[in-house]
């Protein structure tokens, strides 16, 4: 089972490696970093909003505090010490709330500063990654193009291999057709095949055959003459298919009865 699992994992890894495009992986990583940067920026905005809300609440409580202080003073001026005491009591409660809000405000302000600094650092990191990503993509694209060009020149690429095979098959088929056409021409010339393209002239066909045979015979006689085996053959007339050897005149045989035919003029 371990062996099967290892084989399966190795084949899956090889398939994934063939399918993986580093440029797509880099673009995906860059997109993820942009999403993270966007989340950090939203966090900074949320903290800043909360800080601003606390700031407004502090301002409102400070205004109420000032108002209660003025009311206490006015109550003492009119001799209403009880009202002055009530105003001071309410202001003391506001003082506790203000102290708590100011503490929260400081904490949010510190958190906002941290997030702002982190956002700036992340922005710089994303910008640097984008520059490096584009450089790597350009380098990879150039290397890929160079590899394809080299494979095309060497003929080992799949596309060029198919083209080479197609050319080879076309050349082989062309040679086969040329050989077949030549063989048919020879068979037609020798008379082994009948030419149906027009009326057949048997006499001309025989003359053509004898003419080709005579050429071979002449060449054979020339070779014999060069080797001293026979006299040099005479050139045959191009218009006649064969040269008829000249026969020496033969003497007339004497008749059996001993009589000779009379010659013109009465000579015996």
Protein backbone atom coordinates (compact mmCIF):
# COMPACT_ATOMS: atom_id res chain seq x y z
CA UNK A 1 0.00 0.00 0.00
CA UNK A 2 2.85 2.39 0.78
CA UNK A 3 4.38 1.70 -2.62
CA UNK A 4 1.08 2.33 -4.41
CA UNK A 5 0.59 5.51 -2.42
CA UNK A 6 4.09 6.70 -3.29
CA UNK A 7 3.58 5.91 -6.99
CA UNK A 8 0.25 7.70 -7.02
CA UNK A 9 1.68 10.75 -5.27
CA UNK A 10 4.70 10.88 -7.59
CA UNK A 11 2.51 10.69 -10.70
CA UNK A 12 0.09 13.26 -9.31
CA UNK A 13 3.00 15.55 -8.46
CA UNK A 14 4.40 15.17 -11.98
CA UNK A 15 1.02 15.92 -13.52
CA UNK A 16 0.57 18.97 -11.32
CA UNK A 17 4.07 20.14 -12.18
CA UNK A 18 3.24 19.97 -15.89
CA UNK A 19 -0.03 21.82 -15.33
CA UNK A 20 1.41 24.51 -13.07
CA UNK A 21 2.23 27.85 -14.62
CA UNK A 22 4.54 29.95 -12.39
CA UNK A 23 3.06 33.15 -13.79
CA UNK A 24 -0.44 32.18 -12.68
CA UNK A 25 0.89 31.21 -9.24
CA UNK A 26 2.62 34.57 -8.86
CA UNK A 27 -0.51 36.45 -9.92
CA UNK A 28 -2.56 34.48 -7.39
CA UNK A 29 -0.07 35.23 -4.60
CA UNK A 30 -0.13 38.92 -5.50
CA UNK A 31 -3.92 38.91 -5.43
CA UNK A 32 -3.90 37.32 -1.98
CA UNK A 33 -1.52 39.99 -0.70
CA UNK A 34 -3.74 42.72 -2.07
CA UNK A 35 -6.71 41.18 -0.25
CA UNK A 36 -4.71 41.09 2.98
CA UNK A 37 -3.66 44.71 2.51
CA UNK A 38 -7.28 45.65 1.95
CA UNK A 39 -8.29 43.95 5.20
CA UNK A 40 -5.59 45.83 7.12
CA UNK A 41 -6.77 49.10 5.64
CA UNK A 42 -10.35 48.34 6.64
CA UNK A 43 -9.10 47.60 10.15
CA UNK A 44 -7.31 50.94 10.29
CA UNK A 45 -10.48 52.68 9.10
CA UNK A 46 -12.60 50.88 11.71
CA UNK A 47 -10.22 51.84 14.54
CA UNK A 48 -10.09 55.42 13.31
CA UNK A 49 -13.89 55.52 13.25
CA UNK A 50 -14.11 54.22 16.81
CA UNK A 51 -11.50 56.70 17.94
CA UNK A 52 -13.41 59.54 16.33
CA UNK A 53 -16.63 58.41 18.02
CA UNK A 54 -14.91 58.42 21.41
CA UNK A 55 -13.51 61.83 20.65
CA UNK A 56 -16.99 63.19 20.01
CA UNK A 57 -18.32 61.60 23.23
CA UNK A 58 -15.47 63.14 25.22
CA UNK A 59 -16.24 66.54 23.76
CA UNK A 60 -19.92 66.20 24.67
CA UNK A 61 -19.08 65.13 28.25
CA UNK A 62 -16.63 67.99 28.61
CA UNK A 63 -19.34 70.40 27.47
CA UNK A 64 -21.76 68.93 30.08
CA UNK A 65 -19.02 69.14 32.69
CA UNK A 66 -18.47 72.82 31.96
CA UNK A 67 -22.20 73.41 32.03
CA UNK A 68 -22.57 71.77 35.46
CA UNK A 69 -19.69 73.82 36.77
CA UNK A 70 -21.37 77.04 35.64
CA UNK A 71 -24.68 75.91 37.13
CA UNK A 72 -23.00 75.24 40.51
CA UNK A 73 -21.49 78.70 40.53
CA UNK A 74 -24.80 80.33 39.70
CA UNK A 75 -26.58 78.29 42.41
CA UNK A 76 -24.09 79.53 45.02
CA UNK A 77 -24.58 83.09 43.82
CA UNK A 78 -28.35 82.89 44.44
CA UNK A 79 -27.83 81.11 47.76
CA UNK A 80 -28.92 77.69 46.59
CA UNK A 81 -26.17 75.54 48.04
CA UNK A 82 -28.24 72.38 47.52
CA UNK A 83 -28.39 73.02 43.79
CA UNK A 84 -24.71 73.72 43.71
CA UNK A 85 -24.02 70.44 45.56
CA UNK A 86 -26.21 68.52 43.00
CA UNK A 87 -24.36 70.11 40.11
CA UNK A 88 -21.00 69.21 41.56
CA UNK A 89 -22.16 65.61 42.22
CA UNK A 90 -23.20 65.17 38.60
CA UNK A 91 -19.96 66.69 37.42
CA UNK A 92 -18.01 64.16 39.51
CA UNK A 93 -19.85 61.32 37.76
CA UNK A 94 -18.96 62.88 34.42
CA UNK A 95 -15.35 63.10 35.50
CA UNK A 96 -15.23 59.31 35.99
CA UNK A 97 -16.80 58.72 32.57
CA UNK A 98 -14.40 61.15 30.96
CA UNK A 99 -11.42 59.43 32.53
CA UNK A 100 -12.60 56.06 31.20
CA UNK A 101 -13.29 57.45 27.72
CA UNK A 102 -9.92 59.17 27.58
CA UNK A 103 -8.23 55.85 28.45
CA UNK A 104 -10.12 54.08 25.66
CA UNK A 105 -9.30 56.91 23.31
CA UNK A 106 -5.58 56.59 24.00
CA UNK A 107 -5.71 52.84 23.50
CA UNK A 108 -7.52 53.20 20.18
CA UNK A 109 -5.13 55.90 19.11
CA UNK A 110 -2.15 53.59 19.79
CA UNK A 111 -3.86 50.72 17.96
CA UNK A 112 -4.56 52.98 15.02
CA UNK A 113 -0.93 54.01 14.83
CA UNK A 114 0.20 50.37 14.91
CA UNK A 115 -2.23 49.37 12.18
CA UNK A 116 -1.26 52.37 10.09
CA UNK A 117 2.41 51.44 10.35
CA UNK A 118 1.62 47.79 9.54
CA UNK A 119 -0.42 48.90 6.55
CA UNK A 120 2.43 51.01 5.24
CA UNK A 121 4.92 48.17 5.67
CA UNK A 122 2.56 45.74 3.98
CA UNK A 123 1.99 48.19 1.15
CA UNK A 124 5.75 48.44 0.60
CA UNK A 125 6.02 44.64 0.67
CA UNK A 126 3.21 44.26 -1.85
CA UNK A 127 4.78 46.84 -4.16
CA UNK A 128 8.14 45.07 -3.98
CA UNK A 129 6.47 41.71 -4.64
CA UNK A 130 4.64 43.14 -7.63
CA UNK A 131 7.91 44.40 -9.13
CA UNK A 132 9.62 41.09 -8.54
CA UNK A 133 6.58 39.21 -9.86
CA UNK A 134 6.59 41.10 -13.12
CA UNK A 135 10.34 40.58 -13.49
CA UNK A 136 10.02 36.83 -12.90
CA UNK A 137 7.08 36.60 -15.31
CA UNK A 138 8.98 38.44 -18.02
CA UNK A 139 12.04 36.25 -17.51
CA UNK A 140 9.94 33.08 -17.56
CA UNK A 141 8.12 34.18 -20.72
CA UNK A 142 11.42 34.94 -22.44
CA UNK A 143 12.89 31.59 -21.37
CA UNK A 144 9.76 29.78 -22.56
CA UNK A 145 9.92 31.50 -25.94
CA UNK A 146 13.64 30.73 -26.27
CA UNK A 147 13.01 27.09 -25.40
CA UNK A 148 10.29 26.81 -28.04
CA UNK A 149 12.56 28.44 -30.62
CA UNK A 150 15.40 26.05 -29.78
CA UNK A 151 13.05 23.07 -29.92
CA UNK A 152 11.75 24.26 -33.28
CA UNK A 153 15.30 24.58 -34.64
CA UNK A 154 16.29 21.16 -33.32
CA UNK A 155 13.00 19.57 -34.40
CA UNK A 156 12.30 17.96 -31.03
CA UNK A 157 9.16 19.92 -30.23
CA UNK A 158 5.85 18.15 -30.62
CA UNK A 159 4.55 20.57 -33.26
CA UNK A 160 7.71 20.52 -35.35
CA UNK A 161 7.93 16.75 -34.94
CA UNK A 162 4.47 16.40 -36.45
CA UNK A 163 5.45 18.74 -39.29
CA UNK A 164 8.62 16.73 -39.91
CA UNK A 165 6.68 13.47 -40.02
CA UNK A 166 4.15 14.98 -42.42
CA UNK A 167 6.95 16.17 -44.72
CA UNK A 168 8.63 12.77 -44.57
CA UNK A 169 5.38 10.98 -45.43
CA UNK A 170 4.75 13.40 -48.30
CA UNK A 171 8.25 12.83 -49.68
CA UNK A 172 7.90 9.06 -49.40
CA UNK A 173 4.51 9.15 -51.13
CA UNK A 174 5.92 11.38 -53.87
CA UNK A 175 8.82 9.01 -54.49
CA UNK A 176 6.42 6.07 -54.59
CA UNK A 177 4.19 7.81 -57.12
CA UNK A 178 7.21 8.75 -59.27
CA UNK A 179 8.44 5.16 -59.22
CA UNK A 180 4.97 3.88 -60.10
CA UNK A 181 4.66 6.35 -62.97
CA UNK A 182 8.09 5.35 -64.31
CA UNK A 183 7.24 1.67 -64.09
CA UNK A 184 3.98 2.20 -65.97
CA UNK A 185 5.81 4.17 -68.68
CA UNK A 186 8.29 1.32 -69.11
CA UNK A 187 5.50 -1.24 -69.28
CA UNK A 188 3.64 0.85 -71.85
CA UNK A 189 6.79 1.26 -73.91
CA UNK A 190 7.52 -2.47 -73.83
CA UNK A 191 3.98 -3.35 -74.79
CA UNK A 192 3.26 -5.24 -71.59
CA UNK A 193 0.43 -2.81 -70.91
CA UNK A 194 -1.97 -1.59 -73.50
CA UNK A 195 -2.46 2.14 -73.87
CA UNK A 196 -6.21 2.83 -74.05
CA UNK A 197 -5.75 6.57 -74.49
CA UNK A 198 -5.73 6.22 -78.29
CA UNK A 199 -5.60 3.75 -81.22
CA UNK A 200 -2.68 1.37 -80.97
CA UNK A 201 -0.23 1.27 -83.88
CA UNK A 202 1.24 -2.25 -83.82
CA UNK A 203 3.73 -1.51 -86.56
CA UNK A 204 5.12 1.57 -84.82
CA UNK A 205 5.28 -0.32 -81.52
CA UNK A 206 7.29 -3.12 -83.14
CA UNK A 207 9.58 -0.62 -84.82
CA UNK A 208 10.14 1.13 -81.48
CA UNK A 209 10.95 -2.19 -79.83
CA UNK A 210 13.37 -3.18 -82.58
CA UNK A 211 14.94 0.27 -82.43
CA UNK A 212 15.64 -0.07 -78.73
CA UNK A 213 17.00 -3.60 -79.27
CA UNK A 214 19.23 -2.40 -82.10
CA UNK A 215 20.75 0.22 -79.83
CA UNK A 216 21.68 -2.48 -77.35
CA UNK A 217 23.14 -4.66 -80.12
CA UNK A 218 25.25 -1.77 -81.43
CA UNK A 219 26.62 -1.06 -77.98
CA UNK A 220 27.45 -4.76 -77.57
CA UNK A 221 29.27 -4.83 -80.92
CA UNK A 222 31.26 -1.72 -79.99
CA UNK A 223 32.35 -3.32 -76.71
CA UNK A 224 33.44 -6.46 -78.59
CA UNK A 225 35.40 -4.36 -81.06
CA UNK A 226 37.17 -2.54 -78.23
CA UNK A 227 38.13 -5.89 -76.71
CA UNK A 228 39.32 -7.19 -80.09
CA UNK A 229 36.67 -9.87 -80.25
CA UNK A 230 34.86 -8.56 -83.33
CA UNK A 231 35.21 -5.91 -86.02
CA UNK A 232 33.80 -2.50 -85.43
CA UNK A 233 30.10 -2.53 -86.31
CA UNK A 234 28.78 -0.21 -88.93
CA UNK A 235 26.34 2.50 -87.94
CA UNK A 236 22.86 1.46 -88.85
CA UNK A 237 20.54 3.68 -90.74
CA UNK A 238 18.42 5.64 -88.28
CA UNK A 239 15.43 5.27 -90.56
CA UNK A 240 15.51 1.47 -90.69
CA UNK A 241 14.81 -0.67 -87.63
CA UNK A 242 17.43 -3.28 -88.60
CA UNK A 243 20.38 -3.35 -90.92
CA UNK A 244 20.25 -6.14 -93.48
CA UNK A 245 23.71 -7.67 -94.06
CA UNK A 246 24.92 -7.54 -97.65
CA UNK A 247 25.09 -10.97 -99.25
CA UNK A 248 27.84 -11.89 -101.65
CA UNK A 249 26.68 -12.85 -105.15
CA UNK A 250 26.39 -16.59 -105.50
CA UNK A 251 27.45 -18.52 -108.56
CA UNK A 252 24.75 -20.35 -110.41
CA UNK A 253 24.88 -24.02 -109.94
CA UNK A 254 25.42 -26.15 -113.03
CA UNK A 255 22.44 -28.14 -114.19
CA UNK A 256 22.55 -31.86 -113.74
CA UNK A 257 22.35 -32.59 -117.48
CA UNK A 258 25.49 -30.52 -118.10
CA UNK A 259 23.76 -27.91 -120.14
CA UNK A 260 24.15 -24.27 -119.34
CA UNK A 261 21.55 -21.64 -119.87
CA UNK A 262 22.23 -19.51 -122.85
CA UNK A 263 23.66 -16.05 -122.19
CA UNK A 264 22.46 -13.09 -124.05
CA UNK A 265 24.15 -12.90 -127.40
CA UNK A 266 24.33 -16.68 -127.82
CA UNK A 267 27.35 -17.32 -125.55
CA UNK A 268 27.50 -20.82 -124.07
